[in-house]
Protein backbone atom coordinates (compact mmCIF):
# COMPACT_ATOMS: atom_id res chain seq x y z
CA UNK A 1 0.08 -0.04 0.17
CA UNK A 2 1.13 3.70 -0.93
CA UNK A 3 1.29 6.00 2.35
CA UNK A 4 -0.53 8.80 0.82
CA UNK A 5 0.12 11.10 4.02
CA UNK A 6 3.78 11.33 2.94
CA UNK A 7 2.74 12.69 -0.74
CA UNK A 8 0.28 15.07 0.95
CA UNK A 9 2.93 16.54 3.19
CA UNK A 10 5.14 16.61 0.00
CA UNK A 11 2.37 18.38 -2.18
CA UNK A 12 2.13 20.92 0.80
CA UNK A 13 5.88 21.49 1.14
CA UNK A 14 6.15 21.71 -2.73
CA UNK A 15 2.91 24.23 -2.50
CA UNK A 16 5.20 26.34 -0.06
CA UNK A 17 7.91 26.68 -1.63
CA UNK A 18 6.31 27.77 -5.15
CA UNK A 19 4.49 30.53 -2.71
CA UNK A 20 7.94 31.33 -1.33
CA UNK A 21 9.80 31.88 -5.00
CA UNK A 22 6.41 33.35 -6.51
CA UNK A 23 6.59 36.09 -3.90
CA UNK A 24 10.53 36.68 -4.45
CA UNK A 25 10.11 36.98 -8.02
CA UNK A 26 7.29 39.63 -7.53
CA UNK A 27 9.77 41.38 -5.32
CA UNK A 28 12.52 41.34 -7.22
CA UNK A 29 10.78 42.70 -10.28
CA UNK A 30 9.48 45.44 -8.30
CA UNK A 31 12.76 46.45 -7.66
CA UNK A 32 14.19 46.38 -11.37
CA UNK A 33 16.22 43.05 -10.72
CA UNK A 34 13.92 41.36 -13.84
CA UNK A 35 16.46 42.26 -16.70
CA UNK A 36 20.11 41.90 -16.51
CA UNK A 37 22.73 43.42 -18.99
CA UNK A 38 23.41 40.25 -21.10
CA UNK A 39 19.96 39.15 -21.43
CA UNK A 40 18.59 38.87 -25.16
CA UNK A 41 15.35 41.02 -26.03
CA UNK A 42 13.87 40.46 -29.65
CA UNK A 43 10.98 42.98 -30.04
CA UNK A 44 9.48 42.90 -33.07
CA UNK A 45 5.78 43.85 -34.40
CA UNK A 46 3.03 41.82 -32.17
CA UNK A 47 6.02 39.48 -30.81
CA UNK A 48 8.35 40.09 -27.66
CA UNK A 49 11.03 37.36 -27.42
CA UNK A 50 13.10 37.68 -24.07
CA UNK A 51 15.92 34.89 -23.37
CA UNK A 52 17.31 35.39 -19.84
CA UNK A 53 20.94 34.33 -20.36
CA UNK A 54 22.93 36.22 -17.96
CA UNK A 55 19.93 36.09 -15.23
CA UNK A 56 19.71 32.29 -15.48
CA UNK A 57 23.55 32.20 -14.60
CA UNK A 58 23.51 34.28 -11.87
CA UNK A 59 20.32 32.09 -10.56
CA UNK A 60 22.55 28.79 -11.30
CA UNK A 61 25.13 30.63 -9.29
CA UNK A 62 23.16 31.38 -6.18
CA UNK A 63 21.42 28.44 -5.93
CA UNK A 64 24.43 26.35 -6.43
CA UNK A 65 26.28 28.43 -3.52
CA UNK A 66 23.09 27.81 -1.45
CA UNK A 67 22.70 24.30 -1.56
CA UNK A 68 26.22 23.77 -1.11
CA UNK A 69 26.36 25.47 1.87
CA UNK A 70 22.87 23.70 3.61
CA UNK A 71 24.44 20.27 2.21
CA UNK A 72 27.78 20.87 3.69
CA UNK A 73 26.55 22.27 6.97
CA UNK A 74 24.44 18.33 6.97
CA UNK A 75 27.49 16.60 6.93
């Protein structure tokens, strides 16, 4: 038998994480961090393509540092 209480807790944890991530994204966009130099923006009539190259690299670096610190503390 599958334990649904574990699945329920996992879904609640995922929901809380998405809520916090969404709040941070809204907060950072109001502070003007949404577009960084190096991000590619292509604008045409009736079309805008935004490719966040530098933003993705910075986010990846920050998450890597944070997760490495968390896992280093648990050792």
